Amino acid sequence: MEKRSGDDDQFFFRPYTSSNTNFTDTNTDEDEEVAVNSDGCRGLLVVHQAGWWRCLLERYDSMCLLDATYNTTRYAVPLFFLCVCMNVDYVVIVTFITLYEDTACIAEALDVVCQ
C-alpha cells in the first residue's frame, strides 16, 4: 500500500479500466442487485487502512470478521469492512472497495492489506 507523507493512513488505488466482462443482470429493474463475475480481470480496487487500525490488527489478529454492504447505494460496487474482535466490541481495521464481488477480488484486497 502507498503511504501519504506526514500521515499514518495507507491507501491502495487501482482505477477502473473497461474490459470484456460478463454481466449477468438478475432483474430488469435498475435498483435491483446485479451479479458480476470478474473472470480473472482486474478492476477497480481501493483499500484504506489507518495507522491505529494496523496496531489493532497486530494486537487482535486472532479473530477477524469480513462484512460487506449490500443495496445501500445506487451503485453496484461492494464496500467491505474487515473487523477485529476486541475485548468489548468489533472495530473496523480495513475498508476496501472492489468492482467485482468474487473470491479472487476479495483475496487480492486482503493480500494488499497483508503486504
Foldseek 3Di string as FASTA:
>chain_A
DDDDPPFQKDKDWDAADDDPWDWDQPDPDLLDATAGDGVPPAGTKMKMFHNVLVVVCVVQVPDKDKDWDDSPDSDNKIKIFIWGQDPPGIDTGMIMIGRHDDDVRVVVNVVVVVD
